[in-house]
PDB file of N, CA and C in Angstrom:
ATOM      1  N   MET A   1     -31.179 -12.491  11.624  1.00  0.00           N
ATOM      2  CA  MET A   1     -30.067 -12.453  10.957  1.00  0.00           C
ATOM      3  C   MET A   1     -29.875 -10.927  11.906  1.00  0.00           C
ATOM      4  N   SER A   2     -28.744 -10.384  12.387  1.00  0.00           N
ATOM      5  CA  SER A   2     -28.414  -9.341  13.468  1.00  0.00           C
ATOM      6  C   SER A   2     -28.327  -8.205  11.973  1.00  0.00           C
ATOM      7  N   PRO A   3     -28.177  -6.991  12.176  1.00  0.00           N
ATOM      8  CA  PRO A   3     -27.324  -6.077  10.973  1.00  0.00           C
ATOM      9  C   PRO A   3     -26.157  -6.328  11.614  1.00  0.00           C
ATOM     10  N   ARG A   4     -25.199  -6.283  10.540  1.00  0.00           N
ATOM     11  CA  ARG A   4     -23.527  -5.960  10.353  1.00  0.00           C
ATOM     12  C   ARG A   4     -23.114  -4.346  10.844  1.00  0.00           C
ATOM     13  N   PRO A   5     -22.466  -4.867  11.949  1.00  0.00           N
ATOM     14  CA  PRO A   5     -22.039  -3.403  12.494  1.00  0.00           C
ATOM     15  C   PRO A   5     -21.218  -1.939  11.961  1.00  0.00           C
ATOM     16  N   LYS A   6     -21.335  -0.773  12.058  1.00  0.00           N
ATOM     17  CA  LYS A   6     -21.094  -0.276  11.599  1.00  0.00           C
ATOM     18  C   LYS A   6     -19.278   0.226  11.169  1.00  0.00           C
ATOM     19  N   SER A   7     -18.762   0.007  10.409  1.00  0.00           N
ATOM     20  CA  SER A   7     -17.349   0.300  10.330  1.00  0.00           C
ATOM     21  C   SER A   7     -16.854   1.846  10.511  1.00  0.00           C
ATOM     22  N   GLU A   8     -15.749   1.660  11.670  1.00  0.00           N
ATOM     23  CA  GLU A   8     -15.530   3.233  12.148  1.00  0.00           C
ATOM     24  C   GLU A   8     -14.788   4.020  10.947  1.00  0.00           C
ATOM     25  N   HIS A   9     -14.645   3.431   9.767  1.00  0.00           N
ATOM     26  CA  HIS A   9     -14.017   3.658   8.280  1.00  0.00           C
ATOM     27  C   HIS A   9     -14.975   3.499   7.220  1.00  0.00           C
ATOM     28  N   SER A  10     -16.668   3.964   7.739  1.00  0.00           N
ATOM     29  CA  SER A  10     -17.236   3.853   6.568  1.00  0.00           C
ATOM     30  C   SER A  10     -17.931   4.235   5.012  1.00  0.00           C
ATOM     31  N   LYS A  11     -17.948   3.703   4.068  1.00  0.00           N
ATOM     32  CA  LYS A  11     -17.923   4.016   2.414  1.00  0.00           C
ATOM     33  C   LYS A  11     -18.570   4.038   1.798  1.00  0.00           C
ATOM     34  N   GLN A  12     -19.388   5.317   2.545  1.00  0.00           N
ATOM     35  CA  GLN A  12     -21.110   6.018   2.089  1.00  0.00           C
ATOM     36  C   GLN A  12     -20.797   6.706   0.436  1.00  0.00           C
ATOM     37  N   LEU A  13     -19.286   7.090  -0.427  1.00  0.00           N
ATOM     38  CA  LEU A  13     -19.265   7.443  -1.438  1.00  0.00           C
ATOM     39  C   LEU A  13     -18.953   6.619  -2.077  1.00  0.00           C
ATOM     40  N   ARG A  14     -19.769   7.028  -3.786  1.00  0.00           N
ATOM     41  CA  ARG A  14     -19.456   6.241  -4.482  1.00  0.00           C
ATOM     42  C   ARG A  14     -18.601   6.664  -5.589  1.00  0.00           C
ATOM     43  N   PHE A  15     -17.796   6.263  -6.431  1.00  0.00           N
ATOM     44  CA  PHE A  15     -17.115   6.880  -7.342  1.00  0.00           C
ATOM     45  C   PHE A  15     -16.707   5.794  -8.304  1.00  0.00           C
ATOM     46  N   GLU A  16     -16.949   5.963  -9.516  1.00  0.00           N
ATOM     47  CA  GLU A  16     -16.792   5.763 -10.969  1.00  0.00           C
ATOM     48  C   GLU A  16     -15.978   6.808 -12.132  1.00  0.00           C
ATOM     49  N   MET A  17     -14.979   5.514 -12.991  1.00  0.00           N
ATOM     50  CA  MET A  17     -13.834   6.690 -13.372  1.00  0.00           C
ATOM     51  C   MET A  17     -13.466   5.220 -14.721  1.00  0.00           C
ATOM     52  N   ARG A  18     -13.232   5.995 -15.778  1.00  0.00           N
ATOM     53  CA  ARG A  18     -13.294   5.662 -17.216  1.00  0.00           C
ATOM     54  C   ARG A  18     -11.119   5.074 -17.529  1.00  0.00           C
ATOM     55  N   MET A  19     -10.873   4.056 -17.684  1.00  0.00           N
ATOM     56  CA  MET A  19      -9.495   4.147 -18.512  1.00  0.00           C
ATOM     57  C   MET A  19      -9.512   3.446 -19.265  1.00  0.00           C
ATOM     58  N   GLY A  20      -8.473   3.377 -19.277  1.00  0.00           N
ATOM     59  CA  GLY A  20      -8.109   2.079 -20.312  1.00  0.00           C
ATOM     60  C   GLY A  20      -7.588   1.200 -20.008  1.00  0.00           C
ATOM     61  N   ALA A  21      -7.320   0.168 -21.597  1.00  0.00           N
ATOM     62  CA  ALA A  21      -7.666  -1.033 -20.870  1.00  0.00           C
ATOM     63  C   ALA A  21      -5.984  -1.155 -20.173  1.00  0.00           C
ATOM     64  N   GLU A  22      -4.517  -0.571 -20.826  1.00  0.00           N
ATOM     65  CA  GLU A  22      -3.241  -0.755 -20.355  1.00  0.00           C
ATOM     66  C   GLU A  22      -3.757  -0.218 -18.608  1.00  0.00           C
ATOM     67  N   THR A  23      -4.000   0.981 -18.151  1.00  0.00           N
ATOM     68  CA  THR A  23      -4.445   0.956 -17.092  1.00  0.00           C
ATOM     69  C   THR A  23      -5.196  -0.218 -15.880  1.00  0.00           C
ATOM     70  N   ALA A  24      -6.050  -1.004 -16.758  1.00  0.00           N
ATOM     71  CA  ALA A  24      -7.039  -1.486 -16.626  1.00  0.00           C
ATOM     72  C   ALA A  24      -5.904  -2.835 -15.572  1.00  0.00           C
ATOM     73  N   GLU A  25      -5.088  -3.349 -17.176  1.00  0.00           N
ATOM     74  CA  GLU A  25      -4.585  -4.533 -16.803  1.00  0.00           C
ATOM     75  C   GLU A  25      -3.344  -4.731 -15.495  1.00  0.00           C
ATOM     76  N   LYS A  26      -3.100  -3.239 -15.891  1.00  0.00           N
ATOM     77  CA  LYS A  26      -2.214  -2.796 -14.290  1.00  0.00           C
ATOM     78  C   LYS A  26      -3.191  -2.995 -12.700  1.00  0.00           C
ATOM     79  N   LEU A  27      -3.884  -2.704 -12.840  1.00  0.00           N
ATOM     80  CA  LEU A  27      -4.674  -2.288 -11.587  1.00  0.00           C
ATOM     81  C   LEU A  27      -5.604  -4.618 -11.216  1.00  0.00           C
ATOM     82  N   MET A  28      -5.789  -4.678 -12.430  1.00  0.00           N
ATOM     83  CA  MET A  28      -6.125  -5.543 -12.296  1.00  0.00           C
ATOM     84  C   MET A  28      -4.539  -6.919 -12.065  1.00  0.00           C
ATOM     85  N   TYR A  29      -3.519  -6.491 -12.407  1.00  0.00           N
ATOM     86  CA  TYR A  29      -2.497  -7.454 -11.840  1.00  0.00           C
ATOM     87  C   TYR A  29      -2.120  -6.967 -10.553  1.00  0.00           C
ATOM     88  N   CYS A  30      -2.158  -5.513  -9.913  1.00  0.00           N
ATOM     89  CA  CYS A  30      -1.960  -5.202  -8.284  1.00  0.00           C
ATOM     90  C   CYS A  30      -2.348  -5.473  -7.829  1.00  0.00           C
ATOM     91  N   ALA A  31      -4.108  -6.062  -7.531  1.00  0.00           N
ATOM     92  CA  ALA A  31      -4.501  -6.302  -6.968  1.00  0.00           C
ATOM     93  C   ALA A  31      -4.930  -7.892  -6.949  1.00  0.00           C
ATOM     94  N   GLU A  32      -4.175  -8.677  -7.531  1.00  0.00           N
ATOM     95  CA  GLU A  32      -4.360  -9.872  -8.028  1.00  0.00           C
ATOM     96  C   GLU A  32      -3.074 -10.465  -6.479  1.00  0.00           C
ATOM     97  N   LYS A  33      -1.985  -9.786  -7.077  1.00  0.00           N
ATOM     98  CA  LYS A  33      -0.377  -9.988  -6.253  1.00  0.00           C
ATOM     99  C   LYS A  33      -0.114  -9.626  -5.295  1.00  0.00           C
ATOM    100  N   LEU A  34      -1.213  -8.492  -5.048  1.00  0.00           N
ATOM    101  CA  LEU A  34      -1.391  -8.344  -3.322  1.00  0.00           C
ATOM    102  C   LEU A  34      -2.903  -9.400  -2.634  1.00  0.00           C
ATOM    103  N   GLY A  35      -3.631  -9.582  -3.963  1.00  0.00           N
ATOM    104  CA  GLY A  35      -4.515 -10.230  -2.531  1.00  0.00           C
ATOM    105  C   GLY A  35      -5.409  -9.472  -2.052  1.00  0.00           C
ATOM    106  N   VAL A  36      -6.023  -8.262  -2.674  1.00  0.00           N
ATOM    107  CA  VAL A  36      -6.902  -7.095  -2.017  1.00  0.00           C
ATOM    108  C   VAL A  36      -7.398  -6.752  -3.516  1.00  0.00           C
ATOM    109  N   SER A  37      -8.869  -5.928  -3.485  1.00  0.00           N
ATOM    110  CA  SER A  37      -9.038  -5.661  -4.097  1.00  0.00           C
ATOM    111  C   SER A  37      -8.821  -4.243  -5.361  1.00  0.00           C
ATOM    112  N   ARG A  38      -9.641  -3.699  -5.989  1.00  0.00           N
ATOM    113  CA  ARG A  38      -9.585  -2.734  -6.478  1.00  0.00           C
ATOM    114  C   ARG A  38      -9.699  -1.700  -6.303  1.00  0.00           C
ATOM    115  N   ALA A  39     -10.126  -1.379  -4.925  1.00  0.00           N
ATOM    116  CA  ALA A  39     -10.388  -0.224  -4.695  1.00  0.00           C
ATOM    117  C   ALA A  39      -9.505   0.087  -3.506  1.00  0.00           C
ATOM    118  N   ALA A  40      -8.755  -1.022  -3.216  1.00  0.00           N
ATOM    119  CA  ALA A  40      -7.763  -1.284  -1.885  1.00  0.00           C
ATOM    120  C   ALA A  40      -6.744  -0.728  -2.489  1.00  0.00           C
ATOM    121  N   ILE A  41      -6.717  -1.232  -4.148  1.00  0.00           N
ATOM    122  CA  ILE A  41      -4.988  -0.495  -4.422  1.00  0.00           C
ATOM    123  C   ILE A  41      -5.405   1.225  -5.072  1.00  0.00           C
ATOM    124  N   ILE A  42      -6.340   1.242  -5.725  1.00  0.00           N
ATOM    125  CA  ILE A  42      -6.834   2.971  -5.703  1.00  0.00           C
ATOM    126  C   ILE A  42      -6.353   3.845  -4.060  1.00  0.00           C
ATOM    127  N   GLU A  43      -7.009   3.219  -3.158  1.00  0.00           N
ATOM    128  CA  GLU A  43      -6.586   3.880  -2.155  1.00  0.00           C
ATOM    129  C   GLU A  43      -5.205   3.961  -1.656  1.00  0.00           C
ATOM    130  N   LYS A  44      -4.479   2.371  -2.028  1.00  0.00           N
ATOM    131  CA  LYS A  44      -3.083   3.255  -1.949  1.00  0.00           C
ATOM    132  C   LYS A  44      -2.075   3.735  -2.421  1.00  0.00           C
ATOM    133  N   GLY A  45      -2.596   4.037  -3.421  1.00  0.00           N
ATOM    134  CA  GLY A  45      -1.897   4.755  -4.580  1.00  0.00           C
ATOM    135  C   GLY A  45      -2.798   6.385  -4.039  1.00  0.00           C
ATOM    136  N   ILE A  46      -3.319   6.836  -3.760  1.00  0.00           N
ATOM    137  CA  ILE A  46      -3.924   8.527  -3.630  1.00  0.00           C
ATOM    138  C   ILE A  46      -3.200   8.096  -1.866  1.00  0.00           C
ATOM    139  N   ASP A  47      -2.446   7.410  -1.501  1.00  0.00           N
ATOM    140  CA  ASP A  47      -2.239   7.852  -0.060  1.00  0.00           C
ATOM    141  C   ASP A  47      -0.708   8.255  -0.713  1.00  0.00           C
ATOM    142  N   LEU A  48      -0.469   6.566  -1.351  1.00  0.00           N
ATOM    143  CA  LEU A  48       0.652   7.333  -1.746  1.00  0.00           C
ATOM    144  C   LEU A  48       1.432   8.567  -2.539  1.00  0.00           C
ATOM    145  N   VAL A  49       0.548   9.036  -3.316  1.00  0.00           N
ATOM    146  CA  VAL A  49       0.465  10.653  -3.963  1.00  0.00           C
ATOM    147  C   VAL A  49       0.367  11.253  -2.714  1.00  0.00           C
ATOM    148  N   LYS A  50      -0.908  11.080  -2.199  1.00  0.00           N
ATOM    149  CA  LYS A  50      -0.770  12.206  -0.823  1.00  0.00           C
ATOM    150  C   LYS A  50       1.087  12.198   0.159  1.00  0.00           C
ATOM    151  N   ALA A  51       1.238  11.547   0.731  1.00  0.00           N
ATOM    152  CA  ALA A  51       2.273  11.103   1.430  1.00  0.00           C
ATOM    153  C   ALA A  51       3.305  11.876   0.747  1.00  0.00           C
ATOM    154  N   GLU A  52       3.289  11.453  -0.401  1.00  0.00           N
ATOM    155  CA  GLU A  52       4.475  13.183  -1.416  1.00  0.00           C
ATOM    156  C   GLU A  52       4.086  14.003  -1.429  1.00  0.00           C
ATOM    157  N   LEU A  53       2.833  14.452  -1.828  1.00  0.00           N
ATOM    158  CA  LEU A  53       2.665  15.688  -1.364  1.00  0.00           C
ATOM    159  C   LEU A  53       2.876  16.516  -0.142  1.00  0.00           C
ATOM    160  N   ASP A  54       2.048  15.357   1.007  1.00  0.00           N
ATOM    161  CA  ASP A  54       2.769  16.381   1.943  1.00  0.00           C
ATOM    162  C   ASP A  54       4.247  16.418   2.538  1.00  0.00           C
ATOM    163  N   LYS A  55       5.529  15.880   1.671  1.00  0.00           N
ATOM    164  CA  LYS A  55       6.781  16.320   1.936  1.00  0.00           C
ATOM    165  C   LYS A  55       7.900  17.766   1.596  1.00  0.00           C
ATOM    166  N   LYS A  56       6.296  17.839   0.241  1.00  0.00           N
ATOM    167  CA  LYS A  56       6.999  19.121  -0.132  1.00  0.00           C
ATOM    168  C   LYS A  56       6.448  20.383   0.657  1.00  0.00           C
TER     169      LYS A  56
END
């Protein structure tokens, strides 16, 4: 079996966070509705906040 090719955007860092039940439910809802991972939802949120900050 050959190794998986390296991604252009390799994810080498790990981040853990704590959140309340309501926030966790919102995260799961968004991930399920969009058919993506929870990490993808968090990354999208970070991108949205950064874009908003860059406008200022």
